[in-house]
C-alpha atoms as a PDB file:
ATOM      1  CA  MET A   1       0.000   0.000   0.000  1.00  0.00           C
ATOM      2  CA  ALA A   2       2.909   2.166   0.579  1.00  0.00           C
ATOM      3  CA  ASP A   3       3.755   1.995  -3.069  1.00  0.00           C
ATOM      4  CA  THR A   4       0.476   3.343  -4.071  1.00  0.00           C
ATOM      5  CA  GLN A   5       0.840   6.222  -1.713  1.00  0.00           C
ATOM      6  CA  ASN A   6       4.248   7.012  -3.061  1.00  0.00           C
ATOM      7  CA  THR A   7       3.020   6.949  -6.607  1.00  0.00           C
ATOM      8  CA  ASN A   8       0.170   9.202  -5.723  1.00  0.00           C
ATOM      9  CA  THR A   9       2.406  11.702  -4.121  1.00  0.00           C
ATOM     10  CA  ARG A  10       4.952  11.647  -6.868  1.00  0.00           C
ATOM     11  CA  VAL A  11       2.522  12.801  -9.494  1.00  0.00           C
ATOM     12  CA  ALA A  12       3.601  16.049 -10.887  1.00  0.00           C
ATOM     13  CA  TYR A  13       1.229  18.597 -12.154  1.00  0.00           C
ATOM     14  CA  ASP A  14       1.888  20.208 -15.488  1.00  0.00           C
ATOM     15  CA  LEU A  15       0.984  23.798 -14.833  1.00  0.00           C
ATOM     16  CA  GLY A  16       1.860  24.729 -18.386  1.00  0.00           C
ATOM     17  CA  LEU A  17      -1.536  23.507 -19.446  1.00  0.00           C
ATOM     18  CA  PHE A  18      -3.041  26.641 -17.957  1.00  0.00           C
ATOM     19  CA  ASP A  19      -0.619  28.984 -19.690  1.00  0.00           C
ATOM     20  CA  PRO A  20      -2.552  31.291 -22.040  1.00  0.00           C
ATOM     21  CA  ASN A  21       0.329  31.523 -24.558  1.00  0.00           C
ATOM     22  CA  ARG A  22       0.631  27.796 -24.923  1.00  0.00           C
ATOM     23  CA  ARG A  23      -0.279  26.224 -28.260  1.00  0.00           C
ATOM     24  CA  VAL A  24      -2.084  23.039 -28.155  1.00  0.00           C
ATOM     25  CA  GLU A  25      -1.938  20.877 -31.198  1.00  0.00           C
ATOM     26  CA  VAL A  26      -5.216  19.128 -31.647  1.00  0.00           C
ATOM     27  CA  ARG A  27      -5.437  16.336 -34.129  1.00  0.00           C
ATOM     28  CA  PRO A  28      -8.861  15.711 -35.605  1.00  0.00           C
ATOM     29  CA  PRO A  29     -10.236  12.388 -34.767  1.00  0.00           C
ATOM     30  CA  ARG A  30      -9.927   9.915 -37.522  1.00  0.00           C
ATOM     31  CA  PRO A  31     -13.316   9.050 -38.992  1.00  0.00           C
ATOM     32  CA  PRO A  32     -14.291   5.521 -38.553  1.00  0.00           C
ATOM     33  CA  ARG A  33     -13.848   3.425 -41.621  1.00  0.00           C
ATOM     34  CA  LEU A  34     -17.111   2.634 -43.417  1.00  0.00           C
ATOM     35  CA  SER A  35     -18.112  -0.854 -44.224  1.00  0.00           C
ATOM     36  CA  LYS A  36     -18.509  -2.039 -47.795  1.00  0.00           C
ATOM     37  CA  ARG A  37     -22.308  -1.939 -47.554  1.00  0.00           C
ATOM     38  CA  ALA A  38     -22.290   1.639 -46.268  1.00  0.00           C
ATOM     39  CA  ARG A  39     -20.019   2.700 -49.150  1.00  0.00           C
ATOM     40  CA  ARG A  40     -22.447   1.133 -51.651  1.00  0.00           C
ATOM     41  CA  ILE A  41     -25.384   2.926 -50.053  1.00  0.00           C
ATOM     42  CA  ARG A  42     -23.471   6.209 -50.178  1.00  0.00           C
ATOM     43  CA  ALA A  43     -22.586   5.672 -53.871  1.00  0.00           C
ATOM     44  CA  PHE A  44     -26.226   4.827 -54.664  1.00  0.00           C
ATOM     45  CA  ALA A  45     -27.375   7.995 -52.850  1.00  0.00           C
ATOM     46  CA  PHE A  46     -24.925  10.106 -54.912  1.00  0.00           C
ATOM     47  CA  VAL A  47     -26.190   8.518 -58.135  1.00  0.00           C
ATOM     48  CA  LEU A  48     -29.805   9.230 -57.133  1.00  0.00           C
ATOM     49  CA  LEU A  49     -28.878  12.803 -56.231  1.00  0.00           C
ATOM     50  CA  GLY A  50     -27.179  13.223 -59.626  1.00  0.00           C
ATOM     51  CA  ILE A  51     -30.230  11.859 -61.454  1.00  0.00           C
ATOM     52  CA  PHE A  52     -32.483  14.202 -59.488  1.00  0.00           C
ATOM     53  CA  VAL A  53     -30.294  17.220 -60.316  1.00  0.00           C
ATOM     54  CA  VAL A  54     -30.252  16.298 -64.026  1.00  0.00           C
ATOM     55  CA  PHE A  55     -34.039  15.837 -63.969  1.00  0.00           C
ATOM     56  CA  MET A  56     -34.526  19.243 -62.343  1.00  0.00           C
ATOM     57  CA  ILE A  57     -32.228  20.895 -64.911  1.00  0.00           C
ATOM     58  CA  MET A  58     -34.211  19.251 -67.727  1.00  0.00           C
ATOM     59  CA  CYS A  59     -37.497  20.469 -66.210  1.00  0.00           C
ATOM     60  CA  VAL A  60     -36.178  24.019 -65.946  1.00  0.00           C
ATOM     61  CA  LEU A  61     -34.915  23.964 -69.545  1.00  0.00           C
ATOM     62  CA  SER A  62     -38.206  22.475 -70.766  1.00  0.00           C
ATOM     63  CA  ASN A  63     -40.203  25.168 -68.976  1.00  0.00           C
ATOM     64  CA  TYR A  64     -37.897  27.837 -70.374  1.00  0.00           C
ATOM     65  CA  ALA A  65     -38.436  26.461 -73.910  1.00  0.00           C
ATOM     66  CA  LYS A  66     -42.222  26.462 -73.427  1.00  0.00           C
ATOM     67  CA  LEU A  67     -42.097  29.986 -72.054  1.00  0.00           C
ATOM     68  CA  THR A  68     -40.072  31.138 -75.058  1.00  0.00           C
ATOM     69  CA  GLU A  69     -42.501  29.450 -77.444  1.00  0.00           C
ATOM     70  CA  LEU A  70     -45.521  31.006 -75.734  1.00  0.00           C
ATOM     71  CA  SER A  71     -43.953  34.458 -75.710  1.00  0.00           C
ATOM     72  CA  MET A  72     -43.218  34.153 -79.450  1.00  0.00           C
ATOM     73  CA  GLU A  73     -46.810  33.073 -80.066  1.00  0.00           C
ATOM     74  CA  ALA A  74     -48.094  35.990 -77.971  1.00  0.00           C
ATOM     75  CA  THR A  75     -45.946  38.386 -79.995  1.00  0.00           C
ATOM     76  CA  SER A  76     -47.286  36.928 -83.239  1.00  0.00           C
ATOM     77  CA  LEU A  77     -50.889  37.208 -82.036  1.00  0.00           C
ATOM     78  CA  SER A  78     -50.251  40.770 -80.914  1.00  0.00           C
ATOM     79  CA  ARG A  79     -49.004  41.638 -84.400  1.00  0.00           C
ATOM     80  CA  GLN A  80     -52.069  39.998 -85.956  1.00  0.00           C
ATOM     81  CA  LEU A  81     -54.347  41.921 -83.592  1.00  0.00           C
ATOM     82  CA  THR A  82     -52.673  45.203 -84.502  1.00  0.00           C
ATOM     83  CA  LYS A  83     -52.995  44.393 -88.203  1.00  0.00           C
ATOM     84  CA  LEU A  84     -56.687  43.471 -87.841  1.00  0.00           C
ATOM     85  CA  GLU A  85     -57.412  46.627 -85.838  1.00  0.00           C
ATOM     86  CA  GLN A  86     -55.811  48.723 -88.594  1.00  0.00           C
ATOM     87  CA  GLU A  87     -57.844  46.858 -91.203  1.00  0.00           C
ATOM     88  CA  GLU A  88     -61.024  47.415 -89.170  1.00  0.00           C
ATOM     89  CA  GLU A  89     -60.293  51.133 -88.945  1.00  0.00           C
ATOM     90  CA  GLN A  90     -59.734  51.289 -92.709  1.00  0.00           C
ATOM     91  CA  LEU A  91     -63.038  49.488 -93.306  1.00  0.00           C
ATOM     92  CA  ARG A  92     -64.829  51.919 -90.988  1.00  0.00           C
ATOM     93  CA  ILE A  93     -63.378  54.814 -92.971  1.00  0.00           C
ATOM     94  CA  ASP A  94     -64.538  53.166 -96.221  1.00  0.00           C
ATOM     95  CA  ILE A  95     -68.035  52.579 -94.812  1.00  0.00           C
ATOM     96  CA  ASN A  96     -68.314  56.162 -93.622  1.00  0.00           C
ATOM     97  CA  ALA A  97     -67.149  57.413 -97.006  1.00  0.00           C
ATOM     98  CA  LYS A  98     -69.602  55.192 -98.904  1.00  0.00           C
ATOM     99  CA  SER A  99     -72.548  55.858 -96.629  1.00  0.00           C
ATOM    100  CA  SER A 100     -72.336  59.629 -96.822  1.00  0.00           C
ATOM    101  CA  LEU A 101     -75.428  61.321 -98.233  1.00  0.00           C
ATOM    102  CA  GLU A 102     -73.642  62.545-101.356  1.00  0.00           C
ATOM    103  CA  THR A 103     -72.294  59.094-102.182  1.00  0.00           C
ATOM    104  CA  VAL A 104     -75.675  57.422-101.694  1.00  0.00           C
ATOM    105  CA  GLU A 105     -77.383  60.048-103.829  1.00  0.00           C
ATOM    106  CA  TYR A 106     -74.755  59.696-106.570  1.00  0.00           C
ATOM    107  CA  MET A 107     -75.091  55.903-106.610  1.00  0.00           C
ATOM    108  CA  ALA A 108     -78.893  56.080-106.609  1.00  0.00           C
ATOM    109  CA  LYS A 109     -78.944  58.427-109.594  1.00  0.00           C
ATOM    110  CA  ASN A 110     -76.110  56.991-111.688  1.00  0.00           C
ATOM    111  CA  GLN A 111     -76.083  53.261-110.912  1.00  0.00           C
ATOM    112  CA  PHE A 112     -79.745  52.558-110.185  1.00  0.00           C
ATOM    113  CA  GLY A 113     -81.357  55.197-112.421  1.00  0.00           C
ATOM    114  CA  MET A 114     -83.400  56.750-109.614  1.00  0.00           C
ATOM    115  CA  VAL A 115     -84.696  60.314-109.770  1.00  0.00           C
ATOM    116  CA  GLU A 116     -85.602  62.785-107.068  1.00  0.00           C
ATOM    117  CA  ILE A 117     -89.188  62.813-105.835  1.00  0.00           C
ATOM    118  CA  GLN A 118     -91.558  65.209-107.617  1.00  0.00           C
ATOM    119  CA  ASP A 119     -94.340  67.233-106.029  1.00  0.00           C
ATOM    120  CA  TYR A 120     -97.089  65.227-107.737  1.00  0.00           C
ATOM    121  CA  GLN A 121     -95.740  62.051-106.076  1.00  0.00           C
ATOM    122  CA  ILE A 122     -96.243  63.387-102.574  1.00  0.00           C
ATOM    123  CA  GLU A 123     -99.532  62.522-100.895  1.00  0.00           C
ATOM    124  CA  TYR A 124    -100.400  64.010 -97.548  1.00  0.00           C
ATOM    125  CA  VAL A 125    -102.454  62.067 -95.043  1.00  0.00           C
ATOM    126  CA  ASP A 126    -104.753  63.832 -92.624  1.00  0.00           C
ATOM    127  CA  THR A 127    -104.224  62.249 -89.232  1.00  0.00           C
ATOM    128  CA  ASN A 128    -106.749  64.448 -87.433  1.00  0.00           C
ATOM    129  CA  ARG A 129    -109.751  62.533 -88.726  1.00  0.00           C
ATOM    130  CA  ILE A 130    -111.278  59.873 -86.510  1.00  0.00           C
ATOM    131  CA  ASP A 131    -110.907  56.359 -87.849  1.00  0.00           C
ATOM    132  CA  LYS A 132    -114.030  54.293 -88.215  1.00  0.00           C
ATOM    133  CA  ALA A 133    -114.766  51.005 -89.851  1.00  0.00           C
ATOM    134  CA  GLU A 134    -117.900  49.532 -91.308  1.00  0.00           C
ATOM    135  CA  VAL A 135    -118.592  45.872 -91.772  1.00  0.00           C
ATOM    136  CA  ILE A 136    -120.053  45.224 -95.200  1.00  0.00           C
ATOM    137  CA  LYS A 137    -122.444  42.361 -95.677  1.00  0.00           C
ATOM    138  CA  LEU A 138    -122.637  41.186 -99.266  1.00  0.00           C
ATOM    139  CA  SER A 139    -125.733  39.669-100.748  1.00  0.00           C
ATOM    140  CA  PRO A 140    -125.492  36.166-102.224  1.00  0.00           C
ATOM    141  CA  TRP A 141    -125.600  37.641-105.752  1.00  0.00           C
ATOM    142  CA  ASP A 142    -122.652  39.962-104.925  1.00  0.00           C
ATOM    143  CA  LYS A 143    -120.676  37.027-103.507  1.00  0.00           C
ATOM    144  CA  PHE A 144    -121.298  35.084-106.721  1.00  0.00           C
ATOM    145  CA  VAL A 145    -120.219  38.032-108.892  1.00  0.00           C
ATOM    146  CA  ASN A 146    -117.023  38.515-106.816  1.00  0.00           C
ATOM    147  CA  SER A 147    -116.104  34.817-107.045  1.00  0.00           C
ATOM    148  CA  VAL A 148    -116.619  34.837-110.853  1.00  0.00           C
ATOM    149  CA  LYS A 149    -114.570  38.040-111.100  1.00  0.00           C
ATOM    150  CA  SER A 150    -111.675  36.574-109.060  1.00  0.00           C
ATOM    151  CA  ALA A 151    -111.759  33.392-111.171  1.00  0.00           C
ATOM    152  CA  PHE A 152    -111.469  35.449-114.391  1.00  0.00           C
ATOM    153  CA  GLU A 153    -108.633  37.509-112.873  1.00  0.00           C
ATOM    154  CA  SER A 154    -106.635  34.400-111.861  1.00  0.00           C
ATOM    155  CA  LEU A 155    -107.237  32.885-115.309  1.00  0.00           C
ATOM    156  CA  SER A 156    -106.071  36.063-117.045  1.00  0.00           C
ATOM    157  CA  GLU A 157    -102.947  36.164-114.837  1.00  0.00           C
ATOM    158  CA  ARG A 158    -102.095  32.598-115.842  1.00  0.00           C
ATOM    159  CA  ILE A 159    -102.558  33.385-119.510  1.00  0.00           C
ATOM    160  CA  MET A 160    -100.838  36.761-119.456  1.00  0.00           C
ATOM    161  CA  PRO A 161     -98.587  37.324-116.363  1.00  0.00           C
ATOM    162  CA  LYS A 162     -98.366  40.815-114.907  1.00  0.00           C
ATOM    163  CA  GLY A 163     -94.865  41.413-116.306  1.00  0.00           C
ATOM    164  CA  ASP A 164     -96.150  41.057-119.896  1.00  0.00           C
ATOM    165  CA  LYS A 165     -98.682  43.878-119.676  1.00  0.00           C
ATOM    166  CA  THR A 166     -97.890  46.851-121.847  1.00  0.00           C
ATOM    167  CA  ALA A 167     -96.503  49.875-120.036  1.00  0.00           C
ATOM    168  CA  ALA A 168     -98.155  53.278-120.077  1.00  0.00           C
ATOM    169  CA  PRO A 169     -97.036  55.572-122.900  1.00  0.00           C
ATOM    170  CA  ALA A 170     -94.056  57.784-122.116  1.00  0.00           C
ATOM    171  CA  ASP A 171     -95.956  61.013-122.804  1.00  0.00           C
ATOM    172  CA  ALA A 172     -98.781  60.097-120.355  1.00  0.00           C
ATOM    173  CA  SER A 173     -98.906  61.970-117.079  1.00  0.00           C
ATOM    174  CA  PRO A 174     -98.277  60.107-113.820  1.00  0.00           C
ATOM    175  CA  GLU A 175    -101.962  60.474-112.871  1.00  0.00           C
ATOM    176  CA  GLU A 176    -103.048  58.742-116.110  1.00  0.00           C
ATOM    177  CA  ALA A 177    -100.499  55.989-115.601  1.00  0.00           C
ATOM    178  CA  ALA A 178    -101.725  55.473-112.066  1.00  0.00           C
ATOM    179  CA  SER A 179    -105.372  55.416-113.201  1.00  0.00           C
ATOM    180  CA  GLU A 180    -104.571  52.689-115.770  1.00  0.00           C
ATOM    181  CA  ASP A 181    -103.106  50.491-113.066  1.00  0.00           C
ATOM    182  CA  THR A 182    -106.223  50.643-110.899  1.00  0.00           C
ATOM    183  CA  VAL A 183    -108.949  48.036-111.347  1.00  0.00           C
ATOM    184  CA  PRO A 184    -112.394  49.496-111.998  1.00  0.00           C
ATOM    185  CA  GLU A 185    -114.979  48.673-109.387  1.00  0.00           C
ATOM    186  CA  ALA A 186    -117.561  46.029-110.232  1.00  0.00           C
ATOM    187  CA  ASP A 187    -120.927  47.408-111.230  1.00  0.00           C
ATOM    188  CA  GLY A 188    -123.922  46.439-109.202  1.00  0.00           C
ATOM    189  CA  LEU A 189    -122.066  45.886-105.923  1.00  0.00           C
ATOM    190  CA  GLN A 190    -123.617  47.764-103.127  1.00  0.00           C
ATOM    191  CA  GLU A 191    -122.271  48.300 -99.680  1.00  0.00           C
ATOM    192  CA  GLN A 192    -124.733  47.439 -97.015  1.00  0.00           C
ATOM    193  CA  PRO A 193    -123.956  48.332 -93.424  1.00  0.00           C
ATOM    194  CA  VAL A 194    -124.407  45.518 -90.956  1.00  0.00           C
ATOM    195  CA  GLU A 195    -126.089  46.236 -87.723  1.00  0.00           C
ATOM    196  CA  THR A 196    -124.238  44.903 -84.725  1.00  0.00           C
ATOM    197  CA  GLU A 197    -125.987  43.937 -81.589  1.00  0.00           C
END
């Protein structure tokens, strides 16, 4: 036991450890050596990471290509829109020019042979009069005469259509031409007012 006491008392303390100017050389601990299985797993993880990075780069490039394509298409459509808007404006100008009163009047006179309205063609209507209607009751004889008349008119139209009728002479006045176009009233027809209850 005495030896142990002597060894305990002979221990010297290195006070240089507490010296602030002392450099201590620290060696990093050596990493433990990986097993073969762990190295394979690590290699497989690196391969997967590489594939993932390549996939992400491809996705970014693909999206960039689509974005470029869409921006080119948008530019093309914008040009088409501008062109169509200019064409629309030109068509509006043409329509306004062709629908002006002078242009319409010129076309009516020169292309369609129309003439300006004359005073004798104007007919004024008195709107101050009160409208009234009468129901006319025809006798059986009048009904028979009207049906015979309409039969002759339809037969004459089939034989000689309206377009084949001779026109009024050029020197005739408009009133005479209008009177020739009217159908004379049938003789013997009498209007009889009907009494309503």
